Every structure is written in C-alpha cells, then in structure tokens.
C-alpha cells in the first residue's frame, strides 16, 4: 500500500513538473507584448490609402489582430483575424482604406490597431494614432510655362500649390521627371526641368504636371504648350579596320568578356550593350541633384571649337558595305586643337570624374534641380568628385578616349536624366525667355 501511495505521489510530482515545463517552455507564461509596426506615416489619409502593418510575437505567437477606424465616436472594423494555431510569429497586412466606402468625412479621426498573443495572460498590444482625413487634392497654379518647346529640347515649368506637396514633377507620357521645391521669401513653389523627346508630337505626346499631397491625394494637369519640330540629321559612317583595331584593346581592358573577340565583335558590343549600360549609369548618377539652382547665366561653349556632330544625329555604322550598328547622338561634338582645355560650362558640383565606357574619361557636373552637364573623351581629368566648380574652371583636356575617332569634346546637357539640346543653354535669349521666373 505504501509502495502504491509512493508511486502515486511520484507520478503526481512528475505530472506537475511536466506541466511546469510545458507552461514555461511553451511560452504560456510569456509576459512580453506583441509588436506592431507601420510601413509609413499615416498622419494624413486621403480618398484612398494603402498601408502595410507588420504584427509580430517572437514567443507564443500571434492569436488575434484587428484594425479599427474611429470618427465621431463611431468605430468601423477594417480588418479582424483570429489565428488558432500557436507559433505564428509574424503576420503582414496590406490594408487599403477607402474613405468613400466607409462614408467618412474630412476632419480628425483615429486608427486603433490591436494584437494579442497565445500566452495564458493574453498579452495585448495597442497602437492608437490620431489621423486627419483629407480628400481634397492639391490645386496647381502655373507661375512660369514655356509656350513653345522644341523637339529634343528642355522644358521648364514653375508652379505653386494650394497645399504642401509630398511628391511632384512632370510626366512626359510615362516618363516621370521629379520636381523640386524652391523657397522665395516665405513662399514655396516648385520647378521641374524636363526633356522633350526628339519625336515629340502634339498628337502622341502627353505632358502633365503631377502633384501628390501628404494624404495621398493626386492631381494631374495638362501643360499647355506648342511642340516645335526640329530636323535631325542622318549619316552613314564607314568603320575602318584601323579604327576598330585601335579601339578594341581599350574596351577589352575594361570588359574582360571581350578578350578573344574580333575588333568588329568588340565594336558591336560596345556600340550596343555598353552604350545602353553607360546610359543607365548616367541616369543613376542624375537621380540625386542639389535642391537649389547652382548655375548662373548662359552656359559656356568650348572656346574656338567647331561643331562636328549635333544632338539627335542618327548614325548608321557601315563595315564591308553592311550596316553593323546605329546610334542617336546624345550631345554636341566640339573640336579645337589637340588636348585643348576643357572648362566647366557653368557653376555646379562634380558628381562623376572617371572612366565612363563609350564616353572615355568623363566628368559630370550637377547644376541643381535636376540639371547636369557631361564632358566626354577627355585625355586627362583635372578635377575631383564633390568639388564645387565655378563657370570656366578647368576640368581637364580634350582627347579621344572612349568611342572617339579623333581629339574632341563630347558635351551633353541632361534634364531629369535625359539628354537635351545643349545649344539652347548657350543662348542667353532662350534662357531669359524660357527659364527665368519673372
């Protein structure tokens, strides 16, 4: 009898210990609360807004979460989910809030987000945030608009808004060029330099100003303008064996996969794939620009230089009487004496100085608000990244590095990461009539 009693006591003790172990190691006695994180600031909510919410609990796991919006002491459930299975550590919710469907009005409201875990204590986390419902889109007021824009040229627009803008710029069809806020006294306005496509036409080119406020309300306004046609040149250029043999080693040194290729194969790769890669590199460099205008007055043109090629020249490259490639020229080629001084066309900050594929040794200057200049084929570079340069300051010497057949400067202007006609920026009358805000 004593043995049986001892057996019962030991069994009971084992069960108690097992229960304690089960409760402890199974996180049933967890006292930590779940964690709620938002993927963005939701202080303002417009007509429709999508937010991401991350619910997490690293111990017993999530058992329930909900999202509620409250206005005028009335709550509406936006999301509610029970999780019966223990151990679910994370749930990610993408929630679209549609004010029209919820029949909410502009003004203050609150969002209440709740999460609960699977512990015996049912630990609960609550995230409450006051929000402003604002369904009125910003109104755009034009301050400066170019009535006439040229194919391949630069477009410019200045405007203000009825309310603070979180994101703005200009759409040319599907290509977006960001705008920049500029301060004048106590007033904020916005400016955008944008590229006009070389094939732009009224019937197929849509140019629109875009603005989005903090609440997510969006406005698009068609930009009134006349697109002036420009005639671009076409040329056939014969490739010689001497030229390709001369250039092949230069590119094989920077692209290892070209080793063992014939000079013609190297040229075809460089003129197509490397050219495209270089353009993407340039666009990436142009993504970040100074938030103020750095340039002053007319841009300088290379001294005593004759133009050899213009923006938009369409070139067909011929070898052995066959077309082996083509390109659209992205700037103006200027030739003077060999190793001529190359000067900064205007004030700005050097954002690139080095080897740039088809452009050889190159320098790129940021002139602020999305406007850049590029100097290619240099034989030497006498400046450094991050340097503030003045108009006329020496950058290096002309040369024939990259895909150049002779000593010259390749000069480009870019607006919003797209090549535009440099000749406009050499014209003081064009700048005064089209760019300066009156």
Protein backbone atom coordinates (compact mmCIF):
# COMPACT_ATOMS: atom_id res chain seq x y z
CA UNK A 1 0.00 0.00 0.00
CA UNK A 2 2.87 2.31 0.90
CA UNK A 3 4.54 1.49 -2.42
CA UNK A 4 1.33 2.31 -4.32
CA UNK A 5 0.97 5.57 -2.40
CA UNK A 6 4.62 6.43 -3.19
CA UNK A 7 4.02 5.60 -6.86
CA UNK A 8 1.01 7.97 -6.94
CA UNK A 9 2.99 10.76 -5.29
CA UNK A 10 5.92 10.35 -7.69
CA UNK A 11 3.58 10.27 -10.70
CA UNK A 12 1.83 13.39 -9.49
CA UNK A 13 5.14 15.14 -9.00
CA UNK A 14 6.23 14.18 -12.50
CA UNK A 15 2.96 15.49 -13.89
CA UNK A 16 3.38 18.77 -12.02
CA UNK A 17 6.96 19.13 -13.22
CA UNK A 18 5.88 18.26 -16.77
CA UNK A 19 3.10 20.83 -16.57
CA UNK A 20 5.51 23.46 -15.30
CA UNK A 21 7.98 22.62 -18.08
CA UNK A 22 5.16 22.65 -20.66
CA UNK A 23 3.89 26.02 -19.46
CA UNK A 24 7.34 27.56 -19.16
CA UNK A 25 9.00 26.28 -22.30
CA UNK A 26 5.80 26.54 -24.32
CA UNK A 27 5.78 30.29 -23.62
CA UNK A 28 2.41 30.09 -21.87
CA UNK A 29 3.77 32.33 -19.12
CA UNK A 30 5.07 34.88 -21.62
CA UNK A 31 4.72 38.44 -20.39
CA UNK A 32 6.07 40.28 -23.43
CA UNK A 33 3.57 42.02 -25.68
CA UNK A 34 3.29 41.57 -29.48
CA UNK A 35 4.92 44.24 -31.68
CA UNK A 36 3.02 46.38 -34.21
CA UNK A 37 4.89 48.28 -36.93
CA UNK A 38 3.58 50.55 -39.72
CA UNK A 39 5.40 50.85 -43.05
CA UNK A 40 4.70 54.59 -43.32
CA UNK A 41 3.42 57.68 -41.60
CA UNK A 42 -0.39 57.76 -41.62
CA UNK A 43 -0.94 61.17 -40.04
CA UNK A 44 -2.98 62.14 -43.12
CA UNK A 45 -5.25 59.87 -45.13
CA UNK A 46 -6.83 60.85 -48.44
CA UNK A 47 -9.60 59.38 -50.57
CA UNK A 48 -7.79 56.06 -50.62
CA UNK A 49 -4.62 54.94 -48.91
CA UNK A 50 -2.87 51.58 -48.70
CA UNK A 51 -0.78 50.93 -45.61
CA UNK A 52 1.32 47.97 -44.56
CA UNK A 53 1.16 46.67 -40.98
CA UNK A 54 3.55 44.09 -39.53
CA UNK A 55 2.34 42.13 -36.48
CA UNK A 56 4.91 40.00 -34.67
CA UNK A 57 5.35 37.96 -31.49
CA UNK A 58 8.61 36.07 -31.03
CA UNK A 59 7.44 33.71 -28.24
CA UNK A 60 3.96 32.13 -28.11
CA UNK A 61 2.97 33.67 -31.44
CA UNK A 62 0.02 35.76 -32.54
CA UNK A 63 -3.55 34.76 -31.72
CA UNK A 64 -5.55 37.74 -32.97
CA UNK A 65 -5.21 41.17 -34.57
CA UNK A 66 -7.63 43.87 -35.64
CA UNK A 67 -7.68 47.35 -37.19
CA UNK A 68 -10.42 49.89 -36.45
CA UNK A 69 -11.02 53.44 -37.67
CA UNK A 70 -12.96 55.77 -35.37
CA UNK A 71 -14.65 59.06 -36.20
CA UNK A 72 -17.29 60.94 -34.22
CA UNK A 73 -17.13 58.18 -31.56
CA UNK A 74 -18.20 55.57 -34.11
CA UNK A 75 -15.86 52.74 -34.96
CA UNK A 76 -15.63 50.65 -38.13
CA UNK A 77 -13.61 47.44 -38.33
CA UNK A 78 -11.18 47.46 -41.25
CA UNK A 79 -9.52 44.12 -40.51
CA UNK A 80 -10.03 41.34 -37.97
CA UNK A 81 -8.28 37.98 -37.91
CA UNK A 82 -8.07 35.14 -35.40
CA UNK A 83 -5.08 32.78 -35.53
CA UNK A 84 -5.95 29.49 -33.79
CA UNK A 85 -2.55 27.85 -34.35
CA UNK A 86 0.19 28.64 -31.84
CA UNK A 87 3.65 29.67 -33.00
CA UNK A 88 2.77 32.03 -35.87
CA UNK A 89 5.48 34.61 -35.27
CA UNK A 90 4.54 37.21 -37.90
CA UNK A 91 1.63 38.41 -40.00
CA UNK A 92 1.89 41.12 -42.67
CA UNK A 93 -1.27 43.01 -43.57
CA UNK A 94 -1.69 45.23 -46.62
CA UNK A 95 -4.74 47.35 -45.90
CA UNK A 96 -6.49 49.72 -48.31
CA UNK A 97 -8.56 52.40 -46.61
CA UNK A 98 -11.33 53.72 -48.89
CA UNK A 99 -12.93 56.80 -47.38
CA UNK A 100 -15.85 56.85 -49.81
CA UNK A 101 -16.89 53.30 -49.00
CA UNK A 102 -16.55 53.97 -45.26
CA UNK A 103 -18.61 57.17 -45.56
CA UNK A 104 -16.14 59.18 -43.50
CA UNK A 105 -15.84 62.94 -43.79
CA UNK A 106 -12.82 65.26 -43.86
CA UNK A 107 -11.54 66.07 -40.40
CA UNK A 108 -9.99 64.30 -37.39
CA UNK A 109 -10.27 60.57 -36.81
CA UNK A 110 -8.26 57.80 -35.16
CA UNK A 111 -6.92 54.41 -36.10
CA UNK A 112 -6.72 51.71 -33.44
CA UNK A 113 -4.59 48.64 -34.14
CA UNK A 114 -4.63 45.71 -31.71
CA UNK A 115 -2.62 42.49 -31.49
CA UNK A 116 -2.84 39.63 -28.96
CA UNK A 117 -0.58 36.64 -28.30
CA UNK A 118 -1.20 32.99 -27.33
CA UNK A 119 0.11 33.18 -23.77
CA UNK A 120 -2.07 32.43 -20.73
CA UNK A 121 -2.00 36.15 -19.96
CA UNK A 122 -3.27 37.02 -23.46
CA UNK A 123 -0.79 39.89 -23.72
CA UNK A 124 -2.16 42.67 -25.86
CA UNK A 125 -0.51 45.50 -27.76
CA UNK A 126 -2.48 48.53 -28.87
CA UNK A 127 -1.30 51.19 -31.32
CA UNK A 128 -3.59 54.21 -31.48
CA UNK A 129 -2.92 57.14 -33.78
CA UNK A 130 -4.83 60.33 -34.45
CA UNK A 131 -5.17 61.00 -38.16
CA UNK A 132 -6.50 63.72 -40.41
CA UNK A 133 -8.84 62.71 -43.19
CA UNK A 134 -8.20 64.98 -46.16
CA UNK A 135 -9.79 64.11 -49.50
CA UNK A 136 -9.18 67.45 -51.26
CA UNK A 137 -6.47 67.16 -53.95
CA UNK A 138 -3.87 69.93 -54.35
CA UNK A 139 -4.58 72.67 -56.87
CA UNK A 140 -1.73 73.68 -59.18
CA UNK A 141 -1.16 77.29 -60.19
CA UNK A 142 1.29 77.92 -63.06
CA UNK A 143 3.90 80.62 -62.41
CA UNK A 144 6.06 80.05 -65.48
CA UNK A 145 5.37 77.93 -68.52
CA UNK A 146 7.16 77.59 -71.86
CA UNK A 147 4.59 78.27 -74.56
CA UNK A 148 6.90 76.79 -77.19
CA UNK A 149 9.15 73.79 -76.66
CA UNK A 150 11.48 72.18 -79.16
CA UNK A 151 11.82 68.52 -80.08
CA UNK A 152 14.90 67.27 -78.24
CA UNK A 153 14.99 70.41 -76.09
CA UNK A 154 14.46 71.28 -72.44
CA UNK A 155 11.06 72.00 -70.97
CA UNK A 156 10.69 74.10 -67.84
CA UNK A 157 7.75 74.77 -65.59
CA UNK A 158 7.32 76.64 -62.29
CA UNK A 159 4.18 76.42 -60.19
CA UNK A 160 2.79 76.63 -56.70
CA UNK A 161 0.13 74.60 -54.92
CA UNK A 162 -2.84 75.22 -52.69
CA UNK A 163 -1.28 72.91 -50.08
CA UNK A 164 2.01 71.23 -49.19
CA UNK A 165 3.13 68.70 -51.82
CA UNK A 166 4.85 65.45 -50.87
CA UNK A 167 5.74 64.40 -54.43
CA UNK A 168 5.62 66.33 -57.68
CA UNK A 169 7.07 66.55 -61.17
CA UNK A 170 6.23 66.26 -64.84
CA UNK A 171 5.09 63.23 -66.81
CA UNK A 172 6.03 63.12 -70.48
CA UNK A 173 3.90 60.17 -71.50
CA UNK A 174 5.04 57.53 -68.97
CA UNK A 175 8.43 59.07 -68.14
CA UNK A 176 8.45 60.94 -64.84
CA UNK A 177 10.84 63.79 -64.04
CA UNK A 178 10.76 64.86 -60.37
CA UNK A 179 10.22 68.49 -59.44
CA UNK A 180 11.96 70.42 -56.68
CA UNK A 181 10.63 72.83 -54.04
CA UNK A 182 12.22 76.29 -54.09
CA UNK A 183 11.82 78.99 -51.48
CA UNK A 184 11.20 82.64 -52.26
CA UNK A 185 10.72 84.61 -49.06
CA UNK A 186 8.11 82.78 -47.02
CA UNK A 187 6.60 81.09 -50.04
CA UNK A 188 7.36 77.67 -51.51
CA UNK A 189 6.96 76.99 -55.21
CA UNK A 190 8.06 74.06 -57.37
CA UNK A 191 10.15 73.81 -60.54
CA UNK A 192 10.83 70.99 -62.99
CA UNK A 193 13.28 70.77 -65.88
CA UNK A 194 12.18 68.01 -68.21
CA UNK A 195 13.33 66.56 -71.52
CA UNK A 196 11.21 66.90 -74.65
CA UNK A 197 11.53 63.71 -76.76
CA UNK A 198 13.11 64.11 -80.19
CA UNK A 199 9.99 62.57 -81.74
CA UNK A 200 7.51 64.53 -79.60
CA UNK A 201 4.28 65.50 -81.36
CA UNK A 202 1.06 67.08 -80.14
CA UNK A 203 -1.00 64.06 -81.17
CA UNK A 204 1.08 61.45 -79.31
CA UNK A 205 2.95 63.27 -76.54
CA UNK A 206 1.18 63.96 -73.25
CA UNK A 207 2.90 66.43 -70.92
CA UNK A 208 1.32 66.70 -67.47
CA UNK A 209 2.23 68.21 -64.11
CA UNK A 210 1.74 65.74 -61.28
CA UNK A 211 1.31 66.53 -57.59
CA UNK A 212 0.55 64.32 -54.58
CA UNK A 213 -0.10 65.66 -51.06
CA UNK A 214 0.73 64.08 -47.71
CA UNK A 215 -2.66 62.37 -47.61
CA UNK A 216 -2.09 60.67 -50.97
CA UNK A 217 -4.50 62.83 -52.99
CA UNK A 218 -3.23 63.30 -56.53
CA UNK A 219 -3.65 65.94 -59.23
CA UNK A 220 -2.60 65.88 -62.88
CA UNK A 221 -2.75 68.97 -65.04
CA UNK A 222 -2.08 69.08 -68.77
CA UNK A 223 0.69 71.51 -69.63
CA UNK A 224 -0.36 73.90 -72.40
CA UNK A 225 2.42 74.26 -74.98
CA UNK A 226 3.27 74.06 -78.67
CA UNK A 227 5.86 71.49 -79.73
CA UNK A 228 8.11 72.88 -82.46
CA UNK A 229 9.56 70.40 -84.92
CA UNK A 230 13.29 70.14 -85.42
CA UNK A 231 15.04 68.47 -88.31
CA UNK A 232 17.65 65.96 -87.21
CA UNK A 233 20.45 64.77 -89.45
CA UNK A 234 21.13 61.25 -90.68
CA UNK A 235 24.55 59.98 -91.67
CA UNK A 236 26.36 56.79 -92.65
CA UNK A 237 29.79 56.30 -91.14
CA UNK A 238 32.26 53.77 -92.55
CA UNK A 239 34.20 51.79 -89.95
CA UNK A 240 37.82 51.13 -90.83
CA UNK A 241 39.86 48.17 -89.65
CA UNK A 242 42.46 50.57 -88.26
CA UNK A 243 39.86 52.36 -86.09
CA UNK A 244 38.40 49.15 -84.68
CA UNK A 245 41.84 47.63 -84.04
CA UNK A 246 42.88 50.82 -82.28
CA UNK A 247 39.81 50.87 -80.03
CA UNK A 248 39.42 47.14 -79.28
CA UNK A 249 42.22 46.90 -76.64
CA UNK A 250 40.83 49.90 -74.74
CA UNK A 251 37.46 48.23 -74.26
CA UNK A 252 38.85 44.72 -73.76
CA UNK A 253 40.77 46.14 -70.79
CA UNK A 254 37.56 47.26 -69.06
CA UNK A 255 35.24 44.42 -70.23
CA UNK A 256 37.03 41.06 -69.62
CA UNK A 257 34.40 39.11 -71.58
CA UNK A 258 35.61 40.86 -74.77
CA UNK A 259 39.01 39.16 -74.64
CA UNK A 260 39.44 36.92 -77.66
CA UNK A 261 36.73 38.73 -79.64
CA UNK A 262 37.43 40.20 -83.06
CA UNK A 263 37.65 44.01 -83.36
CA UNK A 264 34.27 44.01 -85.13
CA UNK A 265 32.66 41.93 -82.37
CA UNK A 266 34.11 44.28 -79.79
CA UNK A 267 32.76 47.31 -81.63
CA UNK A 268 29.25 45.84 -81.97
CA UNK A 269 29.15 45.05 -78.24
CA UNK A 270 30.45 48.49 -77.26
CA UNK A 271 28.07 50.39 -79.56
CA UNK A 272 25.02 48.48 -78.36
CA UNK A 273 25.18 46.86 -74.94
CA UNK A 274 27.89 49.02 -73.37
CA UNK A 275 26.24 52.17 -74.75
CA UNK A 276 22.98 51.18 -73.04
CA UNK A 277 24.76 50.32 -69.78
CA UNK A 278 26.52 53.69 -69.82
CA UNK A 279 23.19 55.49 -70.24
CA UNK A 280 21.74 53.64 -67.23
CA UNK A 281 24.82 54.61 -65.22
CA UNK A 282 24.36 58.26 -66.19
CA UNK A 283 20.67 58.14 -65.26
CA UNK A 284 21.56 56.68 -61.86
CA UNK A 285 24.09 59.47 -61.27
CA UNK A 286 21.42 62.03 -62.17
CA UNK A 287 18.88 60.66 -59.69
CA UNK A 288 20.30 62.84 -56.92
CA UNK A 289 20.62 66.57 -57.55
CA UNK A 290 21.22 69.63 -55.39
CA UNK A 291 17.87 71.04 -54.13
CA UNK A 292 18.68 74.55 -55.38
CA UNK A 293 19.81 76.25 -58.59
CA UNK A 294 23.59 76.30 -58.78
CA UNK A 295 24.07 77.62 -62.34
CA UNK A 296 24.13 81.30 -63.25
CA UNK A 297 23.55 82.87 -66.66
CA UNK A 298 24.39 81.46 -70.07
CA UNK A 299 26.27 78.16 -70.27
CA UNK A 300 29.73 78.37 -71.83
CA UNK A 301 30.56 76.77 -75.15
CA UNK A 302 34.05 75.33 -75.73
CA UNK A 303 36.33 78.12 -76.98
CA UNK A 304 37.34 78.29 -80.65
CA UNK A 305 35.71 74.93 -81.37
CA UNK A 306 33.93 73.75 -84.50
CA UNK A 307 30.84 71.53 -84.14
CA UNK A 308 31.33 68.06 -85.62
CA UNK A 309 28.10 66.39 -84.51
CA UNK A 310 24.81 67.59 -83.02
CA UNK A 311 22.22 66.21 -80.66
CA UNK A 312 19.89 63.80 -82.40
CA UNK A 313 22.18 62.91 -85.30
CA UNK A 314 21.19 59.41 -86.37
CA UNK A 315 24.23 57.42 -87.36
CA UNK A 316 24.40 54.16 -89.28
CA UNK A 317 27.75 52.37 -88.99
CA UNK A 318 28.89 50.51 -92.09
CA UNK A 319 31.56 47.82 -92.34
CA UNK A 320 32.25 45.87 -95.52
CA UNK A 321 29.22 47.55 -97.13
CA UNK A 322 26.91 46.24 -94.37
CA UNK A 323 25.21 48.19 -91.57
CA UNK A 324 26.57 46.75 -88.33
CA UNK A 325 25.08 49.23 -85.86
CA UNK A 326 23.35 52.55 -85.28
CA UNK A 327 23.02 55.22 -82.63
CA UNK A 328 21.40 58.54 -81.80
CA UNK A 329 23.98 61.15 -80.82
CA UNK A 330 23.43 62.39 -77.27
CA UNK A 331 25.17 65.76 -77.37
CA UNK A 332 27.37 68.08 -79.40
CA UNK A 333 30.90 67.16 -80.51
CA UNK A 334 33.27 70.13 -80.47
CA UNK A 335 36.80 70.04 -81.89
CA UNK A 336 39.59 72.55 -81.39
CA UNK A 337 43.30 71.86 -81.03
CA UNK A 338 44.56 68.58 -79.61
CA UNK A 339 44.46 68.43 -75.79
CA UNK A 340 42.57 71.69 -75.60
CA UNK A 341 41.50 72.99 -72.19
CA UNK A 342 38.02 71.84 -71.18
CA UNK A 343 36.15 74.20 -68.88
CA UNK A 344 33.02 73.87 -66.74
CA UNK A 345 30.10 75.30 -68.68
CA UNK A 346 28.55 76.69 -65.51
CA UNK A 347 28.71 76.58 -61.73
CA UNK A 348 27.96 73.28 -60.06
CA UNK A 349 29.22 70.25 -58.16
CA UNK A 350 31.29 67.49 -59.77
CA UNK A 351 29.37 64.23 -59.26
CA UNK A 352 31.43 61.98 -61.54
CA UNK A 353 35.04 62.03 -62.73
CA UNK A 354 36.46 58.89 -64.29
CA UNK A 355 36.12 56.26 -66.99
CA UNK A 356 32.62 56.01 -68.49
CA UNK A 357 32.60 53.43 -71.28
CA UNK A 358 31.91 54.94 -74.69
CA UNK A 359 32.49 58.45 -73.28
CA UNK A 360 36.02 57.51 -72.16
CA UNK A 361 37.36 59.79 -69.43
CA UNK A 362 34.37 61.88 -68.45
CA UNK A 363 33.18 64.49 -65.98
CA UNK A 364 29.57 65.10 -64.93
CA UNK A 365 28.53 68.30 -63.14
CA UNK A 366 25.31 68.78 -61.16
CA UNK A 367 23.88 72.28 -61.72
CA UNK A 368 21.00 71.75 -59.29
CA UNK A 369 17.28 70.97 -59.57
CA UNK A 370 17.89 68.01 -61.91
CA UNK A 371 20.10 69.77 -64.49
CA UNK A 372 23.51 68.24 -65.37
CA UNK A 373 26.32 68.65 -67.91
CA UNK A 374 28.63 65.90 -69.23
CA UNK A 375 32.12 66.21 -70.76
CA UNK A 376 33.44 63.14 -72.59
CA UNK A 377 36.51 61.74 -74.42
CA UNK A 378 38.94 63.67 -72.20
CA UNK A 379 42.64 62.83 -72.38
CA UNK A 380 43.05 63.90 -68.75
CA UNK A 381 40.84 64.89 -65.81
CA UNK A 382 41.90 67.74 -63.53
CA UNK A 383 39.00 67.76 -61.06
CA UNK A 384 37.53 65.52 -58.36
CA UNK A 385 34.10 64.29 -57.26
CA UNK A 386 32.49 66.59 -54.71
CA UNK A 387 34.32 69.72 -55.85
CA UNK A 388 32.35 72.93 -56.25
CA UNK A 389 33.41 74.36 -59.61
CA UNK A 390 32.88 77.84 -60.99
CA UNK A 391 31.92 78.72 -64.53
CA UNK A 392 35.00 78.46 -66.74
CA UNK A 393 37.01 76.40 -64.25
CA UNK A 394 39.34 73.88 -65.87
CA UNK A 395 38.15 70.26 -65.78
CA UNK A 396 40.78 68.60 -67.97
CA UNK A 397 41.89 68.34 -71.60
CA UNK A 398 40.15 67.13 -74.76
CA UNK A 399 41.15 63.76 -76.17
CA UNK A 400 39.94 60.65 -77.95
CA UNK A 401 39.28 58.19 -75.13
CA UNK A 402 36.20 56.00 -75.39
CA UNK A 403 34.44 55.58 -78.72
CA UNK A 404 36.06 58.62 -80.35
CA UNK A 405 37.77 58.70 -83.73
CA UNK A 406 39.66 61.93 -83.13
CA UNK A 407 40.52 64.51 -80.49
CA UNK A 408 37.36 66.39 -79.47
CA UNK A 409 34.94 67.14 -76.63
CA UNK A 410 31.59 65.39 -76.38
CA UNK A 411 29.33 67.84 -74.49
CA UNK A 412 25.88 66.94 -73.20
CA UNK A 413 23.19 68.57 -71.09
CA UNK A 414 20.76 66.36 -69.18
CA UNK A 415 17.41 67.26 -67.63
CA UNK A 416 15.84 64.69 -65.35
CA UNK A 417 18.29 62.04 -66.55
CA UNK A 418 17.55 62.55 -70.26
CA UNK A 419 19.77 64.16 -72.89
CA UNK A 420 18.58 67.55 -74.17
CA UNK A 421 19.87 70.02 -76.74
CA UNK A 422 22.93 71.93 -75.36
CA UNK A 423 22.53 74.67 -77.98
CA UNK A 424 19.53 76.08 -76.08
CA UNK A 425 21.66 76.57 -72.98
CA UNK A 426 24.28 78.50 -74.98
CA UNK A 427 21.60 81.03 -75.99
CA UNK A 428 21.08 83.86 -73.43
CA UNK A 429 17.81 84.89 -75.08
CA UNK A 430 16.37 81.38 -74.85
CA UNK A 431 17.30 81.19 -71.16
CA UNK A 432 15.81 84.62 -70.42
CA UNK A 433 12.58 83.90 -72.31
CA UNK A 434 12.01 80.34 -71.14
CA UNK A 435 13.76 79.60 -67.86
CA UNK A 436 13.94 82.65 -65.63
CA UNK A 437 10.92 83.09 -63.36
CA UNK A 438 9.57 86.63 -63.74
